[in-house]
Amino acid sequence: MSKQAIIEGVTQDQLRPEGDFPAFSVGDTLDVHVRIIEGDKERVQVYQGVLIAEKGRGINRTITVRRIVANEGVERIFPLHSPRIAKIEVVRRGDARRAKLYFLRNRVGKSRRLRDQRRGLKHVN
């Protein structure tokens, strides 16, 4: 047995079930519900933003979500199989033609928006 097969066997029970999250892709606007522990209290905080990148496979799978706070771009990387993530909801489906949307970092205003898959919202250049 190879080292990789042994590692995958050990981490198999730590993976979340396949249907735990909805189907989402790069360009979608997501609500990521994150468990935050402050002292002895636990609460859920919602982080809403555009999914700009997916990376890894198996236990190492992560997503990068970008949002704008006080005219400043904030990106957060979430490990998908972390117990800190309570749930993920898809707010809006965006039409992206590439795998990584890093070009959104340089955009401001209406050009930051992506075309919507359902409504046919036109992209503003």
N, C-alpha and C. Protein backbone atom coordinates (compact mmCIF):
# COMPACT_ATOMS: atom_id res chain seq x y z
N MET A 1 0.84 -1.18 0.00
CA MET A 1 0.00 0.00 0.00
C MET A 1 0.88 1.25 0.00
N SER A 2 0.52 2.22 -0.82
CA SER A 2 1.32 3.44 -0.90
C SER A 2 1.02 4.36 0.29
N LYS A 3 1.90 5.30 0.49
CA LYS A 3 1.72 6.26 1.60
C LYS A 3 0.44 7.07 1.41
N GLN A 4 0.18 7.44 0.17
CA GLN A 4 -1.00 8.25 -0.11
C GLN A 4 -2.28 7.48 0.23
N ALA A 5 -2.32 6.19 -0.08
CA ALA A 5 -3.50 5.38 0.21
C ALA A 5 -3.70 5.23 1.71
N ILE A 6 -2.62 5.12 2.46
CA ILE A 6 -2.72 5.02 3.92
C ILE A 6 -3.27 6.31 4.51
N ILE A 7 -2.78 7.45 4.02
CA ILE A 7 -3.24 8.75 4.52
C ILE A 7 -4.72 8.94 4.20
N GLU A 8 -5.15 8.59 3.00
CA GLU A 8 -6.55 8.72 2.63
C GLU A 8 -7.44 7.81 3.47
N GLY A 9 -6.94 6.63 3.81
CA GLY A 9 -7.71 5.73 4.66
C GLY A 9 -7.90 6.27 6.07
N VAL A 10 -6.88 6.92 6.60
CA VAL A 10 -6.97 7.49 7.94
C VAL A 10 -7.91 8.69 7.97
N THR A 11 -7.87 9.52 6.95
CA THR A 11 -8.69 10.74 6.94
C THR A 11 -10.11 10.50 6.43
N GLN A 12 -10.42 9.30 5.99
CA GLN A 12 -11.74 9.03 5.40
C GLN A 12 -12.87 9.30 6.38
N ASP A 13 -12.70 8.96 7.66
CA ASP A 13 -13.78 9.15 8.62
C ASP A 13 -13.93 10.61 9.05
N GLN A 14 -12.96 11.48 8.73
CA GLN A 14 -13.04 12.89 9.07
C GLN A 14 -13.72 13.71 7.98
N LEU A 15 -13.93 13.11 6.82
CA LEU A 15 -14.58 13.82 5.71
C LEU A 15 -16.06 14.01 6.00
N ARG A 16 -16.61 15.11 5.51
CA ARG A 16 -18.05 15.34 5.63
C ARG A 16 -18.75 14.50 4.57
N PRO A 17 -20.02 14.15 4.82
CA PRO A 17 -20.76 13.39 3.80
C PRO A 17 -20.89 14.17 2.51
N GLU A 18 -21.09 13.48 1.41
CA GLU A 18 -21.11 14.09 0.09
C GLU A 18 -22.24 15.11 -0.06
N GLY A 19 -23.41 14.84 0.49
CA GLY A 19 -24.54 15.74 0.34
C GLY A 19 -24.65 16.79 1.44
N ASP A 20 -23.58 17.02 2.17
CA ASP A 20 -23.61 17.95 3.29
C ASP A 20 -23.71 19.40 2.82
N PHE A 21 -23.09 19.71 1.68
CA PHE A 21 -23.13 21.06 1.12
C PHE A 21 -23.88 21.05 -0.19
N PRO A 22 -24.51 22.17 -0.56
CA PRO A 22 -25.16 22.24 -1.88
C PRO A 22 -24.10 22.31 -2.98
N ALA A 23 -24.51 22.08 -4.18
CA ALA A 23 -23.59 22.18 -5.32
C ALA A 23 -23.30 23.66 -5.58
N PHE A 24 -22.04 24.04 -5.53
CA PHE A 24 -21.66 25.41 -5.83
C PHE A 24 -20.42 25.39 -6.70
N SER A 25 -20.20 26.49 -7.41
CA SER A 25 -19.04 26.58 -8.28
C SER A 25 -18.47 27.99 -8.17
N VAL A 26 -17.34 28.20 -8.81
CA VAL A 26 -16.66 29.49 -8.77
C VAL A 26 -17.56 30.54 -9.42
N GLY A 27 -17.67 31.69 -8.76
CA GLY A 27 -18.52 32.76 -9.24
C GLY A 27 -19.81 32.90 -8.47
N ASP A 28 -20.18 31.88 -7.69
CA ASP A 28 -21.41 31.93 -6.91
C ASP A 28 -21.22 32.81 -5.68
N THR A 29 -22.29 33.44 -5.24
CA THR A 29 -22.30 34.17 -3.98
C THR A 29 -22.78 33.22 -2.90
N LEU A 30 -21.97 33.05 -1.86
CA LEU A 30 -22.25 32.07 -0.83
C LEU A 30 -22.47 32.73 0.52
N ASP A 31 -23.30 32.09 1.34
CA ASP A 31 -23.41 32.38 2.76
C ASP A 31 -22.70 31.25 3.49
N VAL A 32 -21.56 31.53 4.12
CA VAL A 32 -20.84 30.51 4.87
C VAL A 32 -21.12 30.76 6.34
N HIS A 33 -21.77 29.81 6.99
CA HIS A 33 -22.11 29.92 8.41
C HIS A 33 -20.96 29.33 9.21
N VAL A 34 -20.25 30.18 9.95
CA VAL A 34 -19.04 29.78 10.67
C VAL A 34 -19.32 29.78 12.16
N ARG A 35 -18.93 28.71 12.84
CA ARG A 35 -19.06 28.64 14.30
C ARG A 35 -17.90 29.41 14.92
N ILE A 36 -18.24 30.34 15.82
CA ILE A 36 -17.22 31.13 16.50
C ILE A 36 -17.37 30.88 17.99
N ILE A 37 -16.26 30.54 18.64
CA ILE A 37 -16.26 30.25 20.07
C ILE A 37 -15.58 31.40 20.79
N GLU A 38 -16.33 32.06 21.67
CA GLU A 38 -15.80 33.17 22.47
C GLU A 38 -15.94 32.78 23.93
N GLY A 39 -14.84 32.45 24.56
CA GLY A 39 -14.90 32.00 25.94
C GLY A 39 -15.60 30.66 26.03
N ASP A 40 -16.69 30.61 26.77
CA ASP A 40 -17.45 29.37 26.88
C ASP A 40 -18.72 29.41 26.04
N LYS A 41 -18.93 30.50 25.27
CA LYS A 41 -20.11 30.63 24.43
C LYS A 41 -19.76 30.34 22.98
N GLU A 42 -20.72 29.81 22.26
CA GLU A 42 -20.54 29.52 20.85
C GLU A 42 -21.68 30.17 20.08
N ARG A 43 -21.34 30.80 18.95
CA ARG A 43 -22.35 31.42 18.10
C ARG A 43 -22.00 31.16 16.65
N VAL A 44 -22.95 31.42 15.76
CA VAL A 44 -22.75 31.22 14.34
C VAL A 44 -22.74 32.59 13.66
N GLN A 45 -21.71 32.85 12.89
CA GLN A 45 -21.58 34.11 12.16
C GLN A 45 -21.63 33.81 10.67
N VAL A 46 -22.38 34.61 9.93
CA VAL A 46 -22.53 34.40 8.50
C VAL A 46 -21.54 35.27 7.75
N TYR A 47 -20.79 34.65 6.84
CA TYR A 47 -19.83 35.36 5.99
C TYR A 47 -20.33 35.22 4.57
N GLN A 48 -20.78 36.34 3.97
CA GLN A 48 -21.31 36.30 2.62
C GLN A 48 -20.33 36.92 1.66
N GLY A 49 -20.05 36.22 0.57
CA GLY A 49 -19.14 36.75 -0.43
C GLY A 49 -19.13 35.89 -1.68
N VAL A 50 -18.32 36.29 -2.63
CA VAL A 50 -18.21 35.59 -3.92
C VAL A 50 -17.12 34.54 -3.82
N LEU A 51 -17.42 33.35 -4.28
CA LEU A 51 -16.44 32.26 -4.32
C LEU A 51 -15.50 32.53 -5.48
N ILE A 52 -14.21 32.80 -5.17
CA ILE A 52 -13.27 33.12 -6.24
C ILE A 52 -12.32 31.98 -6.55
N ALA A 53 -12.21 30.97 -5.66
CA ALA A 53 -11.29 29.87 -5.93
C ALA A 53 -11.67 28.64 -5.14
N GLU A 54 -11.44 27.48 -5.74
CA GLU A 54 -11.54 26.19 -5.07
C GLU A 54 -10.20 25.51 -5.23
N LYS A 55 -9.77 24.78 -4.22
CA LYS A 55 -8.43 24.22 -4.26
C LYS A 55 -8.40 22.92 -3.47
N GLY A 56 -7.57 22.00 -3.88
CA GLY A 56 -7.33 20.78 -3.13
C GLY A 56 -8.37 19.70 -3.38
N ARG A 57 -8.15 18.56 -2.73
CA ARG A 57 -9.11 17.47 -2.81
C ARG A 57 -9.07 16.70 -1.50
N GLY A 58 -10.14 15.99 -1.24
CA GLY A 58 -10.21 15.21 -0.01
C GLY A 58 -10.28 16.11 1.21
N ILE A 59 -9.53 15.77 2.23
CA ILE A 59 -9.56 16.52 3.49
C ILE A 59 -8.94 17.91 3.33
N ASN A 60 -8.13 18.11 2.30
CA ASN A 60 -7.43 19.38 2.09
C ASN A 60 -8.21 20.35 1.21
N ARG A 61 -9.46 20.05 0.89
CA ARG A 61 -10.23 20.91 -0.01
C ARG A 61 -10.58 22.22 0.68
N THR A 62 -10.28 23.34 0.02
CA THR A 62 -10.58 24.66 0.58
C THR A 62 -11.28 25.52 -0.47
N ILE A 63 -12.00 26.53 0.02
CA ILE A 63 -12.61 27.52 -0.85
C ILE A 63 -12.18 28.91 -0.38
N THR A 64 -12.03 29.82 -1.31
CA THR A 64 -11.68 31.21 -1.00
C THR A 64 -12.88 32.08 -1.33
N VAL A 65 -13.36 32.80 -0.32
CA VAL A 65 -14.55 33.65 -0.47
C VAL A 65 -14.12 35.10 -0.27
N ARG A 66 -14.55 35.97 -1.18
CA ARG A 66 -14.16 37.38 -1.14
C ARG A 66 -15.40 38.24 -0.95
N ARG A 67 -15.28 39.22 -0.06
CA ARG A 67 -16.34 40.18 0.15
C ARG A 67 -15.74 41.57 0.33
N ILE A 68 -16.59 42.59 0.27
CA ILE A 68 -16.15 43.97 0.42
C ILE A 68 -16.69 44.50 1.74
N VAL A 69 -15.79 44.97 2.61
CA VAL A 69 -16.16 45.54 3.90
C VAL A 69 -15.54 46.93 3.98
N ALA A 70 -16.36 47.95 4.10
CA ALA A 70 -15.92 49.35 4.20
C ALA A 70 -14.97 49.70 3.06
N ASN A 71 -15.40 49.38 1.83
CA ASN A 71 -14.63 49.64 0.61
C ASN A 71 -13.26 48.99 0.60
N GLU A 72 -13.11 47.93 1.32
CA GLU A 72 -11.84 47.17 1.37
C GLU A 72 -12.17 45.71 1.09
N GLY A 73 -11.43 45.08 0.20
CA GLY A 73 -11.65 43.68 -0.11
C GLY A 73 -11.10 42.78 0.98
N VAL A 74 -11.91 41.82 1.41
CA VAL A 74 -11.50 40.87 2.44
C VAL A 74 -11.71 39.46 1.89
N GLU A 75 -10.66 38.66 1.91
CA GLU A 75 -10.76 37.28 1.45
C GLU A 75 -10.54 36.35 2.63
N ARG A 76 -11.29 35.27 2.64
CA ARG A 76 -11.15 34.30 3.71
C ARG A 76 -11.11 32.91 3.10
N ILE A 77 -10.22 32.09 3.59
CA ILE A 77 -10.07 30.73 3.08
C ILE A 77 -10.68 29.78 4.10
N PHE A 78 -11.64 28.97 3.64
CA PHE A 78 -12.33 28.02 4.50
C PHE A 78 -11.98 26.60 4.12
N PRO A 79 -11.50 25.78 5.07
CA PRO A 79 -11.38 24.35 4.80
C PRO A 79 -12.79 23.74 4.82
N LEU A 80 -13.17 23.05 3.76
CA LEU A 80 -14.54 22.57 3.64
C LEU A 80 -14.91 21.51 4.67
N HIS A 81 -13.96 20.70 5.08
CA HIS A 81 -14.26 19.60 5.99
C HIS A 81 -14.02 19.97 7.45
N SER A 82 -13.89 21.26 7.72
CA SER A 82 -13.68 21.72 9.09
C SER A 82 -14.98 21.66 9.88
N PRO A 83 -14.92 21.27 11.15
CA PRO A 83 -16.13 21.31 11.97
C PRO A 83 -16.58 22.74 12.31
N ARG A 84 -15.75 23.73 12.04
CA ARG A 84 -16.12 25.13 12.28
C ARG A 84 -17.18 25.63 11.30
N ILE A 85 -17.31 25.00 10.15
CA ILE A 85 -18.31 25.42 9.17
C ILE A 85 -19.61 24.71 9.49
N ALA A 86 -20.62 25.50 9.85
CA ALA A 86 -21.93 24.93 10.18
C ALA A 86 -22.67 24.53 8.91
N LYS A 87 -22.78 25.45 7.96
CA LYS A 87 -23.41 25.13 6.68
C LYS A 87 -23.04 26.18 5.65
N ILE A 88 -23.32 25.86 4.40
CA ILE A 88 -23.07 26.76 3.28
C ILE A 88 -24.35 26.85 2.47
N GLU A 89 -24.75 28.08 2.14
CA GLU A 89 -25.93 28.30 1.32
C GLU A 89 -25.52 29.08 0.07
N VAL A 90 -26.13 28.75 -1.06
CA VAL A 90 -25.90 29.49 -2.30
C VAL A 90 -26.95 30.58 -2.40
N VAL A 91 -26.48 31.84 -2.43
CA VAL A 91 -27.38 32.98 -2.52
C VAL A 91 -27.70 33.29 -3.97
N ARG A 92 -26.68 33.27 -4.82
CA ARG A 92 -26.81 33.68 -6.21
C ARG A 92 -25.82 32.89 -7.04
N ARG A 93 -26.24 32.46 -8.20
CA ARG A 93 -25.35 31.73 -9.10
C ARG A 93 -24.72 32.70 -10.08
N GLY A 94 -23.41 32.76 -10.09
CA GLY A 94 -22.70 33.64 -11.01
C GLY A 94 -22.16 32.87 -12.19
N ASP A 95 -22.07 33.54 -13.31
CA ASP A 95 -21.60 32.91 -14.55
C ASP A 95 -20.12 33.24 -14.72
N ALA A 96 -19.24 32.29 -14.38
CA ALA A 96 -17.80 32.49 -14.50
C ALA A 96 -17.27 31.60 -15.61
N ARG A 97 -16.33 32.12 -16.38
CA ARG A 97 -15.78 31.36 -17.49
C ARG A 97 -14.37 30.87 -17.22
N ARG A 98 -13.91 31.01 -16.00
CA ARG A 98 -12.59 30.53 -15.64
C ARG A 98 -12.61 29.94 -14.25
N ALA A 99 -11.55 29.23 -13.88
CA ALA A 99 -11.53 28.48 -12.63
C ALA A 99 -11.19 29.35 -11.43
N LYS A 100 -10.35 30.36 -11.62
CA LYS A 100 -9.96 31.24 -10.52
C LYS A 100 -10.32 32.68 -10.92
N LEU A 101 -11.01 33.37 -10.03
CA LEU A 101 -11.47 34.73 -10.32
C LEU A 101 -10.62 35.78 -9.63
N TYR A 102 -9.31 35.60 -9.69
CA TYR A 102 -8.42 36.55 -9.03
C TYR A 102 -8.46 37.94 -9.66
N PHE A 103 -8.94 38.04 -10.90
CA PHE A 103 -9.02 39.35 -11.56
C PHE A 103 -10.02 40.26 -10.87
N LEU A 104 -10.92 39.72 -10.04
CA LEU A 104 -11.89 40.56 -9.33
C LEU A 104 -11.22 41.43 -8.27
N ARG A 105 -10.00 41.08 -7.89
CA ARG A 105 -9.28 41.88 -6.89
C ARG A 105 -8.98 43.28 -7.40
N ASN A 106 -8.81 43.43 -8.70
CA ASN A 106 -8.44 44.72 -9.28
C ASN A 106 -9.64 45.54 -9.73
N ARG A 107 -10.84 45.00 -9.59
CA ARG A 107 -12.03 45.68 -10.08
C ARG A 107 -12.71 46.46 -8.98
N VAL A 108 -13.34 47.58 -9.35
CA VAL A 108 -14.12 48.37 -8.41
C VAL A 108 -15.45 48.72 -9.07
N GLY A 109 -16.45 48.99 -8.26
CA GLY A 109 -17.75 49.43 -8.77
C GLY A 109 -18.53 48.31 -9.42
N LYS A 110 -19.28 48.67 -10.48
CA LYS A 110 -20.16 47.71 -11.12
C LYS A 110 -19.41 46.64 -11.90
N SER A 111 -18.19 46.91 -12.29
CA SER A 111 -17.43 45.91 -13.05
C SER A 111 -17.02 44.74 -12.16
N ARG A 112 -17.21 44.87 -10.87
CA ARG A 112 -16.90 43.78 -9.94
C ARG A 112 -17.96 42.69 -10.00
N ARG A 113 -19.17 43.04 -10.46
CA ARG A 113 -20.27 42.07 -10.49
C ARG A 113 -20.08 41.07 -11.62
N LEU A 114 -20.54 39.85 -11.37
CA LEU A 114 -20.53 38.82 -12.39
C LEU A 114 -21.92 38.68 -12.99
N ARG A 115 -21.97 38.22 -14.21
CA ARG A 115 -23.25 37.97 -14.87
C ARG A 115 -23.97 36.84 -14.14
N ASP A 116 -25.27 36.97 -13.99
CA ASP A 116 -26.07 35.96 -13.30
C ASP A 116 -26.45 34.86 -14.28
N GLN A 117 -26.43 33.62 -13.84
CA GLN A 117 -26.77 32.51 -14.72
C GLN A 117 -28.25 32.49 -15.06
N ARG A 118 -29.12 32.79 -14.10
CA ARG A 118 -30.55 32.64 -14.32
C ARG A 118 -31.16 33.80 -15.07
N ARG A 119 -30.93 35.00 -14.61
CA ARG A 119 -31.66 36.16 -15.12
C ARG A 119 -31.06 36.76 -16.39
N GLY A 120 -29.89 36.31 -16.78
CA GLY A 120 -29.27 36.90 -17.95
C GLY A 120 -28.79 38.30 -17.72
N LEU A 121 -28.40 38.62 -16.50
CA LEU A 121 -27.90 39.95 -16.16
C LEU A 121 -26.65 40.22 -16.97
N LYS A 122 -26.64 41.29 -17.71
CA LYS A 122 -25.52 41.59 -18.59
C LYS A 122 -24.32 42.09 -17.79
N HIS A 123 -23.16 41.68 -18.25
CA HIS A 123 -21.91 42.08 -17.59
C HIS A 123 -21.54 43.48 -18.04
N VAL A 124 -21.23 44.36 -17.10
CA VAL A 124 -20.85 45.73 -17.40
C VAL A 124 -19.35 45.82 -17.51
N ASN A 125 -18.83 46.30 -18.62
CA ASN A 125 -17.38 46.40 -18.79
C ASN A 125 -16.82 47.65 -18.20
